[in-house]
Every structure is written in C-alpha cells, then in structure tokens.
C-alpha atoms as a PDB file:
ATOM      1  CA  MET A   1      27.039 -17.072   3.640  1.00  0.00           C
ATOM      2  CA  ARG A   2      24.040 -18.551   3.160  1.00  0.00           C
ATOM      3  CA  LEU A   3      20.823 -16.864   2.674  1.00  0.00           C
ATOM      4  CA  ALA A   4      17.543 -16.985   4.618  1.00  0.00           C
ATOM      5  CA  PRO A   5      15.008 -18.880   3.262  1.00  0.00           C
ATOM      6  CA  ARG A   6      12.446 -15.172   2.697  1.00  0.00           C
ATOM      7  CA  TRP A   7      15.343 -13.790  -0.130  1.00  0.00           C
ATOM      8  CA  GLN A   8      16.146 -17.905  -1.532  1.00  0.00           C
ATOM      9  CA  ALA A   9      11.706 -17.654  -2.241  1.00  0.00           C
ATOM     10  CA  GLY A  10      12.655 -13.581  -3.529  1.00  0.00           C
ATOM     11  CA  LEU A  11      15.862 -14.816  -5.768  1.00  0.00           C
ATOM     12  CA  ALA A  12      13.260 -17.812  -6.989  1.00  0.00           C
ATOM     13  CA  LEU A  13      10.452 -15.519  -8.371  1.00  0.00           C
ATOM     14  CA  ALA A  14      12.825 -12.835  -9.010  1.00  0.00           C
ATOM     15  CA  LEU A  15      15.279 -14.605 -11.414  1.00  0.00           C
ATOM     16  CA  PRO A  16      12.814 -16.037 -14.017  1.00  0.00           C
ATOM     17  CA  ALA A  17      10.967 -12.895 -13.723  1.00  0.00           C
ATOM     18  CA  LEU A  18      14.183 -10.752 -15.339  1.00  0.00           C
ATOM     19  CA  ILE A  19      14.941 -13.968 -17.369  1.00  0.00           C
ATOM     20  CA  ALA A  20      11.503 -13.771 -19.272  1.00  0.00           C
ATOM     21  CA  SER A  21      12.296 -10.084 -20.018  1.00  0.00           C
ATOM     22  CA  ALA A  22      15.072 -10.757 -21.672  1.00  0.00           C
ATOM     23  CA  LEU A  23      13.206 -12.859 -23.618  1.00  0.00           C
ATOM     24  CA  PRO A  24      11.516 -10.849 -26.907  1.00  0.00           C
ATOM     25  CA  ASP A  25       8.651 -13.169 -26.913  1.00  0.00           C
ATOM     26  CA  ALA A  26       7.708 -13.585 -23.204  1.00  0.00           C
ATOM     27  CA  VAL A  27       4.806 -12.748 -23.021  1.00  0.00           C
ATOM     28  CA  ALA A  28       3.331 -14.632 -26.347  1.00  0.00           C
ATOM     29  CA  ALA A  29       4.955 -17.642 -25.074  1.00  0.00           C
ATOM     30  CA  LEU A  30       4.189 -17.283 -21.614  1.00  0.00           C
ATOM     31  CA  GLY A  31       1.250 -15.410 -20.508  1.00  0.00           C
ATOM     32  CA  TRP A  32      -1.326 -16.563 -19.191  1.00  0.00           C
ATOM     33  CA  GLN A  33      -4.113 -16.643 -22.458  1.00  0.00           C
ATOM     34  CA  ARG A  34      -7.081 -17.775 -22.276  1.00  0.00           C
ATOM     35  CA  GLY A  35      -7.025 -20.017 -25.689  1.00  0.00           C
ATOM     36  CA  ALA A  36      -3.388 -21.499 -25.019  1.00  0.00           C
ATOM     37  CA  ILE A  37      -5.167 -22.268 -21.751  1.00  0.00           C
ATOM     38  CA  ALA A  38      -8.125 -24.097 -22.885  1.00  0.00           C
ATOM     39  CA  ASP A  39      -5.884 -25.884 -25.172  1.00  0.00           C
ATOM     40  CA  GLY A  40      -3.985 -27.480 -22.732  1.00  0.00           C
ATOM     41  CA  GLN A  41      -1.723 -25.290 -22.052  1.00  0.00           C
ATOM     42  CA  TRP A  42      -1.961 -25.685 -18.056  1.00  0.00           C
ATOM     43  CA  ALA A  43       1.412 -24.582 -17.094  1.00  0.00           C
ATOM     44  CA  ARG A  44       0.898 -21.078 -18.432  1.00  0.00           C
ATOM     45  CA  LEU A  45      -1.529 -20.946 -15.453  1.00  0.00           C
ATOM     46  CA  LEU A  46       2.366 -20.817 -13.555  1.00  0.00           C
ATOM     47  CA  THR A  47       4.444 -19.503 -15.869  1.00  0.00           C
ATOM     48  CA  ALA A  48       2.239 -16.175 -16.634  1.00  0.00           C
ATOM     49  CA  HIS A  49       3.207 -14.848 -13.430  1.00  0.00           C
ATOM     50  CA  PHE A  50       6.780 -14.300 -14.513  1.00  0.00           C
ATOM     51  CA  ALA A  51       6.569 -12.092 -18.241  1.00  0.00           C
ATOM     52  CA  HIS A  52       5.526  -8.562 -18.233  1.00  0.00           C
ATOM     53  CA  LEU A  53       4.641  -5.985 -20.177  1.00  0.00           C
ATOM     54  CA  ASP A  54       7.837  -3.982 -20.235  1.00  0.00           C
ATOM     55  CA  THR A  55      10.750  -3.247 -18.304  1.00  0.00           C
ATOM     56  CA  HIS A  56       9.185  -0.681 -15.459  1.00  0.00           C
ATOM     57  CA  HIS A  57       6.258  -3.364 -14.782  1.00  0.00           C
ATOM     58  CA  LEU A  58       8.654  -5.718 -13.983  1.00  0.00           C
ATOM     59  CA  LEU A  59      10.519  -3.275 -11.747  1.00  0.00           C
ATOM     60  CA  PHE A  60       7.970  -2.309  -9.653  1.00  0.00           C
ATOM     61  CA  ASN A  61       6.604  -5.265  -9.582  1.00  0.00           C
ATOM     62  CA  LEU A  62      10.222  -6.406  -8.035  1.00  0.00           C
ATOM     63  CA  LEU A  63      10.196  -3.396  -5.714  1.00  0.00           C
ATOM     64  CA  GLY A  64       6.864  -4.905  -4.013  1.00  0.00           C
ATOM     65  CA  LEU A  65       8.239  -8.601  -4.228  1.00  0.00           C
ATOM     66  CA  VAL A  66      11.867  -6.481  -1.744  1.00  0.00           C
ATOM     67  CA  VAL A  67       9.492  -4.786   0.540  1.00  0.00           C
ATOM     68  CA  ILE A  68       6.671  -8.747   1.245  1.00  0.00           C
ATOM     69  CA  VAL A  69       9.942 -10.510   1.413  1.00  0.00           C
ATOM     70  CA  ASP A  70      11.610  -8.015   3.931  1.00  0.00           C
ATOM     71  CA  LEU A  71       8.486  -7.238   6.082  1.00  0.00           C
ATOM     72  CA  LEU A  72       6.369 -10.303   6.045  1.00  0.00           C
ATOM     73  CA  LEU A  73       8.875 -13.224   5.992  1.00  0.00           C
ATOM     74  CA  ALA A  74      11.682 -12.842   7.890  1.00  0.00           C
ATOM     75  CA  ARG A  75      10.549 -16.153   9.821  1.00  0.00           C
ATOM     76  CA  TRP A  76       9.639 -18.495   7.055  1.00  0.00           C
ATOM     77  CA  THR A  77      10.883 -21.623   5.952  1.00  0.00           C
ATOM     78  CA  TRP A  78      10.825 -23.050   1.960  1.00  0.00           C
ATOM     79  CA  ARG A  79       8.473 -26.148   2.899  1.00  0.00           C
ATOM     80  CA  GLU A  80       5.800 -23.029   4.475  1.00  0.00           C
ATOM     81  CA  LEU A  81       6.422 -20.195   1.141  1.00  0.00           C
ATOM     82  CA  ALA A  82       6.645 -23.058  -1.197  1.00  0.00           C
ATOM     83  CA  PRO A  83       2.968 -23.813  -0.994  1.00  0.00           C
ATOM     84  CA  LEU A  84       1.787 -20.682  -0.218  1.00  0.00           C
ATOM     85  CA  ILE A  85       3.839 -19.418  -3.472  1.00  0.00           C
ATOM     86  CA  ALA A  86       2.281 -22.116  -5.529  1.00  0.00           C
ATOM     87  CA  GLY A  87      -1.088 -21.659  -4.385  1.00  0.00           C
ATOM     88  CA  SER A  88      -1.095 -18.035  -4.778  1.00  0.00           C
ATOM     89  CA  ALA A  89       0.053 -18.167  -8.657  1.00  0.00           C
ATOM     90  CA  LEU A  90      -2.641 -21.166  -9.656  1.00  0.00           C
ATOM     91  CA  GLY A  91      -5.447 -19.409  -7.185  1.00  0.00           C
ATOM     92  CA  CYS A  92      -5.111 -16.210  -8.750  1.00  0.00           C
ATOM     93  CA  SER A  93      -5.403 -17.616 -12.695  1.00  0.00           C
ATOM     94  CA  LEU A  94      -7.472 -19.635 -11.272  1.00  0.00           C
ATOM     95  CA  LEU A  95      -9.852 -17.479 -10.001  1.00  0.00           C
ATOM     96  CA  LEU A  96      -9.225 -15.295 -13.288  1.00  0.00           C
ATOM     97  CA  TRP A  97     -10.528 -18.259 -15.778  1.00  0.00           C
ATOM     98  CA  CYS A  98     -13.433 -18.834 -14.036  1.00  0.00           C
ATOM     99  CA  PHE A  99     -15.051 -15.889 -13.027  1.00  0.00           C
ATOM    100  CA  GLU A 100     -14.082 -13.070 -15.807  1.00  0.00           C
ATOM    101  CA  PRO A 101     -14.581 -15.027 -19.003  1.00  0.00           C
ATOM    102  CA  GLU A 102     -13.835 -11.892 -21.072  1.00  0.00           C
ATOM    103  CA  LEU A 103     -10.374 -11.228 -19.978  1.00  0.00           C
ATOM    104  CA  GLN A 104      -7.700 -13.235 -22.836  1.00  0.00           C
ATOM    105  CA  TRP A 105      -4.504 -12.314 -21.561  1.00  0.00           C
ATOM    106  CA  TYR A 106      -2.586 -11.736 -18.232  1.00  0.00           C
ATOM    107  CA  VAL A 107       0.603 -10.748 -17.354  1.00  0.00           C
ATOM    108  CA  GLY A 108       2.868 -10.016 -14.516  1.00  0.00           C
ATOM    109  CA  LEU A 109       3.959 -10.632 -10.906  1.00  0.00           C
ATOM    110  CA  SER A 110       1.520  -8.898  -8.892  1.00  0.00           C
ATOM    111  CA  GLY A 111      -1.259 -11.418  -8.123  1.00  0.00           C
ATOM    112  CA  LEU A 112       1.644 -13.668  -6.645  1.00  0.00           C
ATOM    113  CA  LEU A 113       2.967 -10.969  -4.537  1.00  0.00           C
ATOM    114  CA  HIS A 114      -0.798  -9.931  -3.621  1.00  0.00           C
ATOM    115  CA  GLY A 115      -1.677 -13.810  -2.396  1.00  0.00           C
ATOM    116  CA  LEU A 116       1.831 -13.279  -0.936  1.00  0.00           C
ATOM    117  CA  TRP A 117       1.153 -10.437   0.705  1.00  0.00           C
ATOM    118  CA  ALA A 118      -2.332 -11.427   2.187  1.00  0.00           C
ATOM    119  CA  GLY A 119      -1.092 -15.243   2.900  1.00  0.00           C
ATOM    120  CA  ALA A 120       1.825 -14.020   5.016  1.00  0.00           C
ATOM    121  CA  ALA A 121      -0.072 -10.926   6.759  1.00  0.00           C
ATOM    122  CA  LEU A 122      -2.854 -13.415   7.469  1.00  0.00           C
ATOM    123  CA  HIS A 123      -0.144 -15.700   8.730  1.00  0.00           C
ATOM    124  CA  GLY A 124       1.163 -13.711  11.279  1.00  0.00           C
ATOM    125  CA  CYS A 125      -2.136 -12.090  12.932  1.00  0.00           C
ATOM    126  CA  LEU A 126      -3.206 -15.477  13.521  1.00  0.00           C
ATOM    127  CA  THR A 127       0.252 -16.613  14.753  1.00  0.00           C
ATOM    128  CA  ARG A 128       1.806 -13.473  15.660  1.00  0.00           C
ATOM    129  CA  ARG A 129       4.243 -14.380  13.736  1.00  0.00           C
ATOM    130  CA  GLY A 130       6.636 -12.071  11.804  1.00  0.00           C
ATOM    131  CA  ARG A 131       6.615  -8.082  12.154  1.00  0.00           C
ATOM    132  CA  MET A 132       3.336  -5.852  12.002  1.00  0.00           C
ATOM    133  CA  PRO A 133       1.028  -8.590   9.832  1.00  0.00           C
ATOM    134  CA  GLU A 134      -2.037  -6.430  11.310  1.00  0.00           C
ATOM    135  CA  ALA A 135      -0.927  -3.257   9.688  1.00  0.00           C
ATOM    136  CA  ALA A 136      -0.158  -5.157   6.743  1.00  0.00           C
ATOM    137  CA  PHE A 137      -3.599  -6.795   5.919  1.00  0.00           C
ATOM    138  CA  ILE A 138      -4.890  -3.256   6.660  1.00  0.00           C
ATOM    139  CA  ALA A 139      -2.598  -1.905   4.190  1.00  0.00           C
ATOM    140  CA  LEU A 140      -2.910  -4.484   2.119  1.00  0.00           C
ATOM    141  CA  MET A 141      -7.223  -3.682   2.135  1.00  0.00           C
ATOM    142  CA  ILE A 142      -6.843  -0.273   1.475  1.00  0.00           C
ATOM    143  CA  LYS A 143      -4.539  -0.338  -1.602  1.00  0.00           C
ATOM    144  CA  LEU A 144      -7.124  -3.060  -3.001  1.00  0.00           C
ATOM    145  CA  VAL A 145     -10.154  -0.546  -2.558  1.00  0.00           C
ATOM    146  CA  TRP A 146      -8.064   1.919  -3.950  1.00  0.00           C
ATOM    147  CA  MET A 147      -6.632   0.098  -7.200  1.00  0.00           C
ATOM    148  CA  ASN A 148     -10.141  -0.476  -8.032  1.00  0.00           C
ATOM    149  CA  GLN A 149     -11.184   2.975  -8.137  1.00  0.00           C
ATOM    150  CA  GLY A 150      -9.169   3.217 -11.045  1.00  0.00           C
ATOM    151  CA  SER A 151      -6.319   4.678  -9.607  1.00  0.00           C
ATOM    152  CA  GLY A 152      -2.733   4.211 -11.020  1.00  0.00           C
ATOM    153  CA  THR A 153      -1.108   4.985 -14.530  1.00  0.00           C
ATOM    154  CA  MET A 154       0.245   1.677 -15.802  1.00  0.00           C
ATOM    155  CA  PRO A 155      -1.765  -1.114 -17.028  1.00  0.00           C
ATOM    156  CA  VAL A 156      -2.974  -3.277 -14.213  1.00  0.00           C
ATOM    157  CA  LEU A 157      -5.677  -5.383 -13.699  1.00  0.00           C
ATOM    158  CA  PRO A 158      -7.163  -4.276 -10.036  1.00  0.00           C
ATOM    159  CA  ILE A 159      -8.757  -7.605 -10.473  1.00  0.00           C
ATOM    160  CA  ALA A 160      -6.315  -9.473 -10.188  1.00  0.00           C
ATOM    161  CA  HIS A 161      -4.939  -8.472  -6.689  1.00  0.00           C
ATOM    162  CA  VAL A 162      -7.983  -8.755  -5.238  1.00  0.00           C
ATOM    163  CA  TYR A 163      -7.583 -13.173  -7.192  1.00  0.00           C
ATOM    164  CA  GLY A 164      -4.452 -12.900  -5.253  1.00  0.00           C
ATOM    165  CA  ALA A 165      -4.954 -11.593  -2.275  1.00  0.00           C
ATOM    166  CA  LEU A 166      -8.210 -14.208  -2.126  1.00  0.00           C
ATOM    167  CA  SER A 167      -5.643 -17.336  -2.940  1.00  0.00           C
ATOM    168  CA  GLY A 168      -3.483 -16.279  -0.104  1.00  0.00           C
ATOM    169  CA  ILE A 169      -6.166 -16.158   2.473  1.00  0.00           C
ATOM    170  CA  LEU A 170      -7.491 -19.572   1.325  1.00  0.00           C
ATOM    171  CA  PHE A 171      -4.245 -20.808   1.043  1.00  0.00           C
ATOM    172  CA  THR A 172      -3.673 -20.319   4.458  1.00  0.00           C
ATOM    173  CA  LEU A 173      -7.522 -20.953   6.386  1.00  0.00           C
ATOM    174  CA  MET A 174      -7.303 -24.003   4.549  1.00  0.00           C
ATOM    175  CA  ARG A 175      -3.302 -24.749   5.989  1.00  0.00           C
ATOM    176  CA  ARG A 176      -4.151 -23.594   8.998  1.00  0.00           C
ATOM    177  CA  VAL A 177      -7.343 -26.440   9.214  1.00  0.00           C
ATOM    178  CA  LEU A 178      -5.468 -28.844   8.106  1.00  0.00           C
ATOM    179  CA  ILE A 179      -2.397 -27.950  10.513  1.00  0.00           C
ATOM    180  CA  VAL A 180      -3.254 -26.194  13.403  1.00  0.00           C
ATOM    181  CA  SER A 181      -6.685 -28.030  13.782  1.00  0.00           C
ATOM    182  CA  PRO A 182      -7.315 -30.896  15.843  1.00  0.00           C
ATOM    183  CA  PHE A 183      -9.121 -33.209  12.923  1.00  0.00           C
ATOM    184  CA  ARG A 184      -6.803 -32.743  10.255  1.00  0.00           C
ATOM    185  CA  LEU A 185      -5.415 -35.138   8.397  1.00  0.00           C
ATOM    186  CA  GLU A 186      -2.192 -37.324   9.310  1.00  0.00           C
END
C-alpha cells in the first residue's frame, strides 16, 4: 500500500521532528539562533523547524500537522507540497531574522505549519480545491488574532505563526502569478 502524497509529506515533516526529539542537544544543534545564523550556519533557517522544546511542544505540533494534512492537502502532489513546505519554513525564518532583531532563538514546526495552513487554504479558495478552504482560512485568521492576545499556556512565539502564515500566503500568490498568469515565465 502506497501512502498518498499528503501523508508522505506529513511523514517527511514528522519523522525528522521525532528523531530530533530523541537527540539530547537538538535545540542547540538545530535551532534558529541569531548568532549562529549570522556566523554562516544558514541551514538553521530550515532545521529549526524540526527541533522542539519538549515532548508536549512536539505533540501539539504533530497534532496540528495531522489536521492540516487531513483537511487541506487531500489533492496535493509532492511537486506542489515541497515548495510550499520549503517556502513556509524559509519565509518564516527570514521574517523572524528581519523583523524581530531582539529574537535570539526559535524552534518548532508551528511557523511552518501556519505557512502550510495559510497557503493550502488560500490555494483552495482560489481554485476551489480541497475541503472547506474558506472556513480554514477564516479559522486561521481567528487563531492568529487569539494567539496574539497572549492566550494559551505553552511557551509560544505567536509572531512566528503570523510570519509562517504570511510566508504561505505570499508563496501561494507568487506561485499563482507565475503559473496561472498569462505573464508566467516559461
């Protein structure tokens, strides 16, 4: 039995996060650290999304991943998913770098997940693809407003969720212009 591309993508995100959680120094080795990135360790812009503070943090992120994969990525292919995943992770990390100069470290899948959520929901709204894209997009906006009010009990960096969502939205819009537009590049 072969897994659908959406579940392959989910495993491609979950497995490195699970492996990293078993490593004693994953946060130090993989995390988004301003000093290390400034010193040229650019891989941290991507690897930070796989390290987590603790098992509770990881499980919450994996639960979110399952919900996003199940509800929003039903008809996606690897060719569509891989760039959205990379764009969301890199976009979130770069926005943190540029607009949060006081931030020294960050870890977790949540910024990337918010990029997937926003990008897939927007794509669904634009193309009528997948289940309930409008409701998912509205739910995302409500969640982002709620989280930025200081709600919740976990140590969360709500702005990373916003930057992840912005990355997913921008990536989806750029992709739409380049692929669907009559002005697309060949």
